[in-house]
Amino acid sequence: AMAGFHQIWALDLESEEVRPYAGNGRERIEDGPLAEVELAQPSGIVADDNVSYFTDSETGAIRSADLTRAGVVTSIVGQDLLTFGDVDGSADEVRLQYPLGIDLHNGILYITDTHNNKVK
């Protein structure tokens, strides 16, 4: 993750070439195709099969990127740069404040909700 550029970059292990993978560089929360999506300080990343999940820290969001040819980023949790807090519940109710780390275990995402000093 390239938080300062509001992008996720990819490293091709064979060619050792690094390039932008997702994000157009504008700081917002806007879903869509990999090259057009708007991110806000993506940080932690974890992958499972054909999906990667990542924290988008500045928007208090958890987002997913389809790693297949469809290549679309979708917000699971999070609404905008000014909507944050400490609320548990279903995806549309949850509020996080600067999530950084993320892990996946047995189909459950675990998030470090940094400014709330919690793992959710």
Protein backbone atom coordinates (compact mmCIF):
# COMPACT_ATOMS: atom_id res chain seq x y z
CA ALA A 1 0.00 0.00 0.00
CA MET A 2 1.22 3.48 -0.88
CA ALA A 3 -0.75 5.49 1.68
CA GLY A 4 0.69 8.89 0.74
CA PHE A 5 -0.18 8.39 -2.93
CA HIS A 6 -3.67 7.02 -2.08
CA GLN A 7 -2.89 3.96 -4.18
CA ILE A 8 -2.04 0.28 -3.94
CA TRP A 9 0.99 -0.70 -5.97
CA ALA A 10 1.95 -4.13 -7.29
CA LEU A 11 5.39 -5.73 -7.49
CA ASP A 12 5.87 -8.21 -10.33
CA LEU A 13 8.22 -10.74 -8.72
CA GLU A 14 9.49 -11.99 -12.08
CA SER A 15 10.33 -8.64 -13.69
CA GLU A 16 10.87 -6.84 -10.36
CA GLU A 17 8.78 -3.99 -11.77
CA VAL A 18 6.62 -1.90 -9.44
CA ARG A 19 3.54 -0.11 -10.74
CA PRO A 20 0.24 1.35 -9.52
CA TYR A 21 -2.39 -1.37 -9.19
CA ALA A 22 -5.41 0.45 -7.74
CA GLY A 23 -6.28 4.08 -7.17
CA ASN A 24 -6.13 7.26 -9.22
CA GLY A 25 -4.31 9.26 -6.53
CA ARG A 26 -7.28 11.35 -5.36
CA GLU A 27 -8.11 11.10 -1.65
CA ARG A 28 -11.74 10.02 -1.33
CA ILE A 29 -13.86 6.93 -0.98
CA GLU A 30 -15.21 6.08 -4.41
CA ASP A 31 -15.73 2.50 -5.57
CA GLY A 32 -15.15 1.30 -9.10
CA PRO A 33 -12.60 -0.17 -11.51
CA LEU A 34 -9.03 -0.48 -10.20
CA ALA A 35 -7.61 2.41 -12.23
CA GLU A 36 -10.49 4.78 -11.40
CA VAL A 37 -11.16 3.99 -7.75
CA GLU A 38 -10.43 6.70 -5.18
CA LEU A 39 -8.65 5.64 -2.00
CA ALA A 40 -7.65 7.47 1.17
CA GLN A 41 -4.42 6.17 2.69
CA PRO A 42 -4.73 2.43 2.09
CA SER A 43 -2.64 0.59 4.68
CA GLY A 44 -3.09 -3.04 5.72
CA ILE A 45 -3.77 -5.69 3.07
CA VAL A 46 -4.73 -9.36 3.26
CA ALA A 47 -5.80 -11.68 0.42
CA ASP A 48 -8.05 -14.72 0.14
CA ASP A 49 -8.37 -16.53 -3.19
CA ASN A 50 -9.45 -13.90 -5.73
CA VAL A 51 -10.17 -11.06 -3.30
CA SER A 52 -7.89 -8.76 -1.35
CA TYR A 53 -9.17 -6.82 1.64
CA PHE A 54 -7.55 -3.62 2.80
CA THR A 55 -7.92 -0.83 5.32
CA ASP A 56 -8.45 2.61 3.84
CA SER A 57 -7.38 4.48 6.94
CA GLU A 58 -8.33 8.10 6.33
CA THR A 59 -11.96 7.21 5.54
CA GLY A 60 -12.27 4.64 8.34
CA ALA A 61 -13.06 2.10 5.64
CA ILE A 62 -12.57 -1.57 4.93
CA ARG A 63 -12.60 -2.28 1.22
CA SER A 64 -12.21 -5.25 -1.08
CA ALA A 65 -10.54 -5.56 -4.47
CA ASP A 66 -11.63 -8.27 -6.88
CA LEU A 67 -8.38 -9.79 -8.16
CA THR A 68 -10.00 -11.41 -11.19
CA ARG A 69 -10.31 -9.75 -14.56
CA ALA A 70 -13.32 -7.78 -13.28
CA GLY A 71 -10.94 -5.76 -11.09
CA VAL A 72 -13.39 -3.72 -9.03
CA VAL A 73 -12.93 -2.15 -5.59
CA THR A 74 -15.96 -2.18 -3.27
CA SER A 75 -16.39 -0.59 0.16
CA ILE A 76 -17.51 -2.99 2.89
CA VAL A 77 -17.39 -0.47 5.74
CA GLY A 78 -16.95 3.30 5.53
CA GLN A 79 -18.72 6.25 3.95
CA ASP A 80 -16.56 9.36 3.58
CA LEU A 81 -13.66 11.33 5.00
CA LEU A 82 -15.77 12.86 7.79
CA THR A 83 -17.75 9.81 8.96
CA PHE A 84 -15.85 7.94 11.66
CA GLY A 85 -16.29 6.82 15.26
CA ASP A 86 -16.52 3.72 17.42
CA VAL A 87 -19.68 1.83 16.49
CA ASP A 88 -20.09 -1.95 16.17
CA GLY A 89 -22.84 -3.60 14.14
CA SER A 90 -23.63 -4.49 10.55
CA ALA A 91 -21.48 -3.13 7.72
CA ASP A 92 -23.62 -0.04 7.08
CA GLU A 93 -23.65 0.85 10.81
CA VAL A 94 -19.98 0.25 11.68
CA ARG A 95 -17.75 3.24 12.36
CA LEU A 96 -13.99 2.95 12.67
CA GLN A 97 -11.34 5.55 13.32
CA TYR A 98 -8.13 5.10 11.35
CA PRO A 99 -8.00 1.33 10.85
CA LEU A 100 -4.48 0.19 9.95
CA GLY A 101 -3.99 -3.56 10.31
CA ILE A 102 -6.15 -6.31 8.89
CA ASP A 103 -6.08 -10.11 9.06
CA LEU A 104 -8.34 -12.88 7.81
CA HIS A 105 -8.91 -16.10 9.77
CA ASN A 106 -11.62 -18.70 9.16
CA GLY A 107 -13.65 -16.28 7.03
CA ILE A 108 -13.57 -13.44 9.58
CA LEU A 109 -11.74 -10.15 9.05
CA TYR A 110 -9.97 -8.74 12.12
CA ILE A 111 -9.27 -5.00 12.05
CA THR A 112 -7.01 -2.88 14.23
CA ASP A 113 -9.15 0.19 14.88
CA THR A 114 -6.17 2.36 15.77
CA HIS A 115 -7.63 5.55 17.26
CA ASN A 116 -10.25 3.55 19.18
CA ASN A 117 -7.54 1.26 20.62
CA LYS A 118 -9.44 -1.88 19.64
CA VAL A 119 -9.30 -4.96 17.48
CA LYS A 120 -12.69 -5.51 15.86
